[in-house]
Amino acid sequence: MGLSDRETQSTAEAARAAYDAAAFLAAIVESSDDAIVSKSLSGIITTWNRGAERIFGYTAEEAVGRPITIVIPADRLDEEPAILARIQAGERVDHFETVRRRKDGSLIDISLTISPIRDDSGKIIGASKIARDISERRREAEHREMLLREMHHRVKNLFAVVASIITLAARSAATSSDLASNMKDRLMALARAHEITLPSLAGQSVEDPPATLFQLLSNILAPYGRDDHRQWTLRGDDVEISRAKITNLALLFHELATNAAKYGALSVGDGTVDITLAISPDTIELVWLEAHGPIAADPTQPSSGFGSVLEQKIAQSLDIHIERSWTPGGLSIRLSLPRLAIT
């Protein structure tokens, strides 16, 4: 018995609706920012959307028909058999964070969601993968971790420096009033020096006029000595530094001053720090020379502490070469940096 006109029309509309839904779904897949890929149970790529092209660098023509291992680094190849085994068992893999390789060889952090693909009879015939680029999220997480470690490091250093300042102030104070006044001045100077390393919290702006290197050093070293007995001197030619670079420089010199206050010349009343600046058209040479301080551990030996890590990162970012050595008088630190790195 043939179909009636109404039944024929209904069947055609259902087919058209199914086609429209499939086309709509295909458009969603193709326009997704995520990589959406399908593969056979033998690991051969069968579909490859524009998101996959953007993330991995291969076009669909280059990827389809090739093994999925083209995007898996050599040290991660053991992940694929384990994933295929779970898919063949009918399992879904949710938000599996791993590393994949782009066409140009660079590595990318991704989050994978993998699901089995079944035919009309329910048999598993392949797998679909959704890969999301999480590189930026990873970088942000690492940056937050770095900031937390820096905060922890600063708090520990701050207590050590305050203890040193109290000891120095007590030695020179004749009365409790003198001690209170001395401590207040030094702690206020320490607070001002600390603010320099946090320009966004101190209300500074990258649009502010540039400061000079001597101004920066003077603010950081202000807690160590009063007008009648300053434990540091600045010599040579001054140079302007841009606000864009001042935070990194402030962190670096704050670290040097803190180490001197904890272990070196600034930890004793008679200790001194002499800083000499030599400017040439292309480079800046700064010598930090400590004298009359305690004998500390060999400064040429590498340190694994956070302060050392922070110093290394700043030196790398500004292309600064740092060299430590002992002189008959005490610790010498020589910094060499391109002039364009700070101006």
Protein backbone atom coordinates (compact mmCIF):
# COMPACT_ATOMS: atom_id res chain seq x y z
CA MET A 1 0.00 0.00 0.00
CA GLY A 2 1.47 3.36 -1.01
CA LEU A 3 1.90 6.32 1.25
CA SER A 4 -0.73 9.03 1.25
CA ASP A 5 0.20 12.59 0.27
CA ARG A 6 0.05 13.63 3.92
CA GLU A 7 2.30 10.76 4.99
CA THR A 8 4.73 11.55 2.18
CA GLN A 9 4.81 15.20 3.19
CA SER A 10 5.34 14.27 6.85
CA THR A 11 8.20 11.93 5.94
CA ALA A 12 9.82 14.61 3.81
CA GLU A 13 9.50 17.18 6.59
CA ALA A 14 11.05 14.77 9.11
CA ALA A 15 13.94 14.08 6.74
CA ARG A 16 14.41 17.80 6.17
CA ALA A 17 14.31 18.49 9.93
CA ALA A 18 16.90 15.77 10.51
CA TYR A 19 19.06 17.24 7.75
CA ASP A 20 18.70 20.76 9.17
CA ALA A 21 19.62 19.51 12.66
CA ALA A 22 22.67 17.69 11.29
CA ALA A 23 23.71 20.75 9.30
CA PHE A 24 23.21 22.97 12.34
CA LEU A 25 25.29 20.61 14.49
CA ALA A 26 28.00 20.50 11.82
CA ALA A 27 28.06 24.32 11.75
CA ILE A 28 28.47 24.45 15.53
CA VAL A 29 31.36 21.97 15.39
CA GLU A 30 33.04 23.83 12.54
CA SER A 31 32.79 27.25 14.21
CA SER A 32 33.92 26.09 17.67
CA ASP A 33 37.10 27.60 19.12
CA ASP A 34 37.91 24.19 20.57
CA ALA A 35 39.52 21.46 18.52
CA ILE A 36 36.85 18.82 17.74
CA VAL A 37 38.31 15.72 16.17
CA SER A 38 37.13 12.19 15.51
CA LYS A 39 39.29 9.13 15.00
CA SER A 40 38.91 5.43 14.33
CA LEU A 41 39.68 2.77 16.93
CA SER A 42 43.05 2.33 15.25
CA GLY A 43 43.84 6.00 15.96
CA ILE A 44 43.38 7.36 12.42
CA ILE A 45 41.91 10.88 12.17
CA THR A 46 38.54 10.93 10.39
CA THR A 47 37.33 14.52 10.95
CA TRP A 48 39.15 17.75 11.85
CA ASN A 49 37.38 21.08 12.45
CA ARG A 50 38.64 24.68 12.10
CA GLY A 51 39.35 24.84 15.85
CA ALA A 52 41.77 21.95 15.40
CA GLU A 53 43.41 23.78 12.50
CA ARG A 54 43.85 26.88 14.67
CA ILE A 55 45.18 25.03 17.73
CA PHE A 56 47.41 22.44 16.08
CA GLY A 57 48.36 24.14 12.81
CA TYR A 58 47.40 21.28 10.47
CA THR A 59 44.66 21.81 7.89
CA ALA A 60 41.91 19.21 7.60
CA GLU A 61 43.46 18.02 4.33
CA GLU A 62 46.79 17.49 6.10
CA ALA A 63 45.34 15.76 9.17
CA VAL A 64 42.49 13.50 8.00
CA GLY A 65 43.73 10.01 7.24
CA ARG A 66 46.85 10.36 9.37
CA PRO A 67 47.39 8.90 12.86
CA ILE A 68 46.42 11.08 15.82
CA THR A 69 49.99 10.66 17.07
CA ILE A 70 51.04 13.53 14.76
CA VAL A 71 49.99 15.86 17.61
CA ILE A 72 51.31 13.76 20.50
CA PRO A 73 54.85 14.45 21.78
CA ALA A 74 57.20 11.47 21.86
CA ASP A 75 57.24 11.41 25.67
CA ARG A 76 53.40 11.24 25.76
CA LEU A 77 52.82 8.46 23.21
CA ASP A 78 51.95 5.99 25.96
CA GLU A 79 48.78 8.02 26.66
CA GLU A 80 47.13 7.03 23.37
CA PRO A 81 46.85 3.23 23.91
CA ALA A 82 45.46 3.84 27.41
CA ILE A 83 42.87 6.29 26.03
CA LEU A 84 41.83 3.89 23.22
CA ALA A 85 41.47 1.05 25.73
CA ARG A 86 39.09 3.13 27.84
CA ILE A 87 37.09 4.18 24.78
CA GLN A 88 36.76 0.55 23.59
CA ALA A 89 35.45 -0.27 27.06
CA GLY A 90 32.74 2.37 26.55
CA GLU A 91 34.23 4.86 29.01
CA ARG A 92 34.30 8.63 28.64
CA VAL A 93 37.43 10.61 29.53
CA ASP A 94 36.62 14.02 31.04
CA HIS A 95 38.95 17.04 31.23
CA PHE A 96 42.21 15.14 30.91
CA GLU A 97 44.97 17.77 31.06
CA THR A 98 48.02 16.98 28.96
CA VAL A 99 50.47 18.42 26.41
CA ARG A 100 50.24 18.19 22.64
CA ARG A 101 52.49 19.24 19.78
CA ARG A 102 51.68 21.72 17.02
CA LYS A 103 52.71 21.36 13.39
CA ASP A 104 55.62 23.77 13.99
CA GLY A 105 56.91 21.55 16.81
CA SER A 106 55.88 23.86 19.66
CA LEU A 107 54.05 22.37 22.65
CA ILE A 108 50.64 23.42 23.93
CA ASP A 109 48.79 22.69 27.17
CA ILE A 110 45.31 21.29 26.50
CA SER A 111 42.33 19.81 28.31
CA LEU A 112 40.87 16.75 26.55
CA THR A 113 37.36 15.31 26.71
CA ILE A 114 37.06 12.02 24.81
CA SER A 115 33.86 10.08 24.13
CA PRO A 116 33.08 6.83 22.28
CA ILE A 117 31.35 7.04 18.88
CA ARG A 118 28.73 4.31 18.31
CA ASP A 119 26.99 3.16 15.13
CA ASP A 120 23.23 2.59 14.83
CA SER A 121 23.56 -0.83 16.48
CA GLY A 122 25.42 0.61 19.47
CA LYS A 123 28.79 -0.78 18.49
CA ILE A 124 31.76 1.48 19.31
CA ILE A 125 33.45 2.45 16.04
CA GLY A 126 35.64 5.36 17.04
CA ALA A 127 36.17 8.28 19.39
CA SER A 128 35.49 12.00 19.42
CA LYS A 129 37.94 14.38 21.06
CA ILE A 130 37.38 17.93 22.23
CA ALA A 131 40.65 19.71 22.98
CA ARG A 132 40.69 23.10 24.70
CA ASP A 133 43.78 25.31 24.77
CA ILE A 134 44.59 25.96 28.45
CA SER A 135 48.04 27.51 27.92
CA GLU A 136 46.88 30.95 29.08
CA ARG A 137 45.21 29.44 32.15
CA ARG A 138 48.40 27.58 32.99
CA ARG A 139 50.47 30.75 32.61
CA GLU A 140 48.06 32.64 34.88
CA ALA A 141 48.22 29.86 37.47
CA GLU A 142 52.02 29.88 37.37
CA HIS A 143 52.00 33.68 37.70
CA ARG A 144 49.70 33.47 40.73
CA GLU A 145 51.98 30.85 42.26
CA MET A 146 54.97 33.10 41.65
CA LEU A 147 53.18 36.04 43.32
CA LEU A 148 52.23 33.92 46.34
CA ARG A 149 55.80 32.70 46.71
CA GLU A 150 57.04 36.28 46.38
CA MET A 151 54.59 37.45 49.07
CA HIS A 152 55.71 34.66 51.40
CA HIS A 153 59.34 35.54 50.71
CA ARG A 154 58.73 39.25 51.35
CA VAL A 155 56.94 38.67 54.63
CA LYS A 156 59.79 36.49 55.92
CA ASN A 157 62.36 39.02 54.78
CA LEU A 158 60.41 41.92 56.25
CA PHE A 159 60.46 40.41 59.73
CA ALA A 160 64.19 39.69 59.41
CA VAL A 161 64.93 43.24 58.28
CA VAL A 162 62.79 44.78 61.04
CA ALA A 163 64.65 42.66 63.61
CA SER A 164 67.95 43.92 62.20
CA ILE A 165 66.75 47.54 62.30
CA ILE A 166 65.65 47.16 65.92
CA THR A 167 69.07 45.79 66.85
CA LEU A 168 70.88 48.65 65.10
CA ALA A 169 68.59 51.29 66.57
CA ALA A 170 69.00 49.92 70.10
CA ARG A 171 72.79 50.17 69.87
CA SER A 172 72.75 53.88 69.08
CA ALA A 173 69.77 54.99 71.20
CA ALA A 174 70.55 56.74 74.50
CA THR A 175 66.94 56.71 75.77
CA SER A 176 63.72 54.89 75.05
CA SER A 177 62.45 58.06 73.37
CA ASP A 178 65.47 58.06 71.06
CA LEU A 179 64.84 54.39 70.29
CA ALA A 180 61.17 55.03 69.45
CA SER A 181 62.03 57.99 67.21
CA ASN A 182 64.84 56.09 65.51
CA MET A 183 62.65 53.08 64.90
CA LYS A 184 59.77 55.18 63.58
CA ASP A 185 61.98 56.93 61.03
CA ARG A 186 63.60 53.71 59.87
CA LEU A 187 60.35 51.79 59.59
CA MET A 188 58.71 54.62 57.63
CA ALA A 189 61.69 54.61 55.27
CA LEU A 190 61.37 50.82 54.96
CA ALA A 191 57.67 51.19 54.12
CA ARG A 192 58.48 53.75 51.39
CA ALA A 193 61.11 51.43 49.95
CA HIS A 194 58.64 48.55 49.99
CA GLU A 195 56.02 50.63 48.15
CA ILE A 196 58.41 51.15 45.25
CA THR A 197 58.26 47.43 44.53
CA LEU A 198 54.45 47.60 44.36
CA PRO A 199 53.72 50.51 42.00
CA SER A 200 50.16 49.47 41.23
CA LEU A 201 49.31 49.45 44.94
CA ALA A 202 51.25 52.63 45.63
CA GLY A 203 49.21 54.66 43.15
CA GLN A 204 52.05 55.10 40.68
CA SER A 205 51.41 55.07 36.97
CA VAL A 206 53.47 54.12 33.97
CA GLU A 207 52.64 57.61 32.71
CA ASP A 208 54.51 59.27 35.58
CA PRO A 209 57.78 61.05 34.77
CA PRO A 210 60.78 58.69 34.86
CA ALA A 211 62.76 58.37 38.06
CA THR A 212 66.52 58.07 38.29
CA LEU A 213 68.55 55.09 39.44
CA PHE A 214 69.99 57.10 42.37
CA GLN A 215 66.49 58.08 43.50
CA LEU A 216 65.41 54.47 43.43
CA LEU A 217 68.48 53.29 45.35
CA SER A 218 68.17 56.12 47.88
CA ASN A 219 64.57 55.17 48.66
CA ILE A 220 65.41 51.49 49.03
CA LEU A 221 68.47 52.15 51.22
CA ALA A 222 66.87 54.94 53.29
CA PRO A 223 66.09 52.66 56.28
CA TYR A 224 69.78 51.90 56.76
CA GLY A 225 71.17 54.95 58.50
CA ARG A 226 70.11 58.45 59.52
CA ASP A 227 71.32 61.85 58.41
CA ASP A 228 74.21 61.75 60.86
CA HIS A 229 75.20 58.18 60.11
CA ARG A 230 74.27 56.83 56.69
CA GLN A 231 75.54 53.34 55.96
CA TRP A 232 75.59 53.70 52.20
CA THR A 233 77.01 56.01 49.52
CA LEU A 234 76.21 56.56 45.86
CA ARG A 235 78.95 57.54 43.42
CA GLY A 236 79.24 58.17 39.70
CA ASP A 237 76.78 59.36 37.08
CA ASP A 238 73.03 59.02 37.55
CA VAL A 239 70.68 57.75 34.83
CA GLU A 240 66.93 57.93 34.27
CA ILE A 241 64.86 54.76 34.39
CA SER A 242 61.41 54.33 32.86
CA ARG A 243 58.40 53.56 35.05
CA ALA A 244 57.84 50.44 32.96
CA LYS A 245 61.13 49.02 34.29
CA ILE A 246 61.15 50.45 37.81
CA THR A 247 59.30 47.57 39.47
CA ASN A 248 61.75 44.89 38.35
CA LEU A 249 64.73 47.07 39.26
CA ALA A 250 63.20 47.91 42.64
CA LEU A 251 62.65 44.21 43.36
CA LEU A 252 66.24 43.42 42.41
CA PHE A 253 67.83 46.16 44.56
CA HIS A 254 65.38 45.48 47.38
CA GLU A 255 66.63 41.86 47.34
CA LEU A 256 70.28 43.01 47.49
CA ALA A 257 69.53 45.40 50.35
CA THR A 258 67.54 42.77 52.24
CA ASN A 259 70.34 40.21 51.94
CA ALA A 260 72.83 42.82 53.17
CA ALA A 261 70.54 43.61 56.12
CA LYS A 262 70.10 39.93 57.00
CA TYR A 263 73.59 38.59 56.39
CA GLY A 264 75.93 41.32 55.20
CA ALA A 265 77.20 44.83 55.85
CA LEU A 266 73.83 46.36 56.71
CA SER A 267 73.30 43.83 59.50
CA VAL A 268 75.90 45.57 61.72
CA GLY A 269 76.21 49.19 62.79
CA ASP A 270 79.68 49.72 61.29
CA GLY A 271 78.92 48.04 57.98
CA THR A 272 78.78 50.09 54.78
CA VAL A 273 77.61 49.69 51.19
CA ASP A 274 79.35 51.73 48.52
CA ILE A 275 77.56 51.84 45.15
CA THR A 276 79.37 53.14 42.07
CA LEU A 277 77.65 53.73 38.75
CA ALA A 278 79.51 54.00 35.42
CA ILE A 279 77.48 55.00 32.36
CA SER A 280 78.47 54.48 28.73
CA PRO A 281 76.35 55.00 25.60
CA ASP A 282 75.35 51.33 25.49
CA THR A 283 75.82 49.86 28.96
CA ILE A 284 75.49 50.59 32.66
CA GLU A 285 77.97 49.13 35.13
CA LEU A 286 76.98 49.13 38.79
CA VAL A 287 79.30 47.92 41.56
CA TRP A 288 77.76 47.15 44.97
CA LEU A 289 80.63 46.93 47.46
CA GLU A 290 80.03 45.91 51.08
CA ALA A 291 82.58 46.51 53.82
CA HIS A 292 82.99 45.84 57.56
CA GLY A 293 80.24 43.22 57.55
CA PRO A 294 80.24 39.69 58.93
CA ILE A 295 81.93 36.88 57.05
CA ALA A 296 79.10 35.03 55.33
CA ALA A 297 78.94 31.94 53.16
CA ASP A 298 80.66 32.00 49.77
CA PRO A 299 78.42 34.26 47.63
CA THR A 300 79.63 32.64 44.41
CA GLN A 301 77.85 29.38 45.31
CA PRO A 302 74.39 29.06 43.71
CA SER A 303 71.37 29.32 46.01
CA SER A 304 68.10 27.46 45.59
CA GLY A 305 66.05 29.90 47.68
CA PHE A 306 63.19 31.94 46.27
CA GLY A 307 65.22 35.16 46.51
CA SER A 308 67.80 33.64 44.17
CA VAL A 309 65.06 32.50 41.77
CA LEU A 310 63.50 35.97 41.81
CA GLU A 311 66.89 37.58 41.14
CA GLN A 312 67.55 35.24 38.22
CA LYS A 313 64.15 35.92 36.65
CA ILE A 314 64.61 39.69 36.91
CA ALA A 315 68.15 39.48 35.54
CA GLN A 316 66.88 37.47 32.58
CA SER A 317 63.99 39.86 31.89
CA LEU A 318 66.30 42.91 31.86
CA ASP A 319 69.33 41.14 30.35
CA ILE A 320 71.44 41.92 33.44
CA HIS A 321 74.68 40.05 34.09
CA ILE A 322 75.35 39.64 37.84
CA GLU A 323 78.73 38.60 39.22
CA ARG A 324 79.57 38.11 42.91
CA SER A 325 83.02 37.92 44.45
CA TRP A 326 84.86 38.49 47.73
CA THR A 327 87.23 41.44 48.15
CA PRO A 328 89.51 42.07 51.16
CA GLY A 329 86.81 44.43 52.49
CA GLY A 330 83.77 42.24 51.88
CA LEU A 331 81.22 41.21 49.30
CA SER A 332 81.33 42.76 45.83
CA ILE A 333 78.42 42.50 43.39
CA ARG A 334 78.90 43.73 39.81
CA LEU A 335 75.87 44.31 37.60
CA SER A 336 76.18 44.93 33.88
CA LEU A 337 73.10 45.76 31.84
CA PRO A 338 72.23 47.32 28.47
CA ARG A 339 71.27 50.96 28.85
CA LEU A 340 68.21 50.43 26.67
CA ALA A 341 66.96 47.81 29.17
CA ILE A 342 65.99 50.46 31.72
CA THR A 343 65.48 53.72 29.81
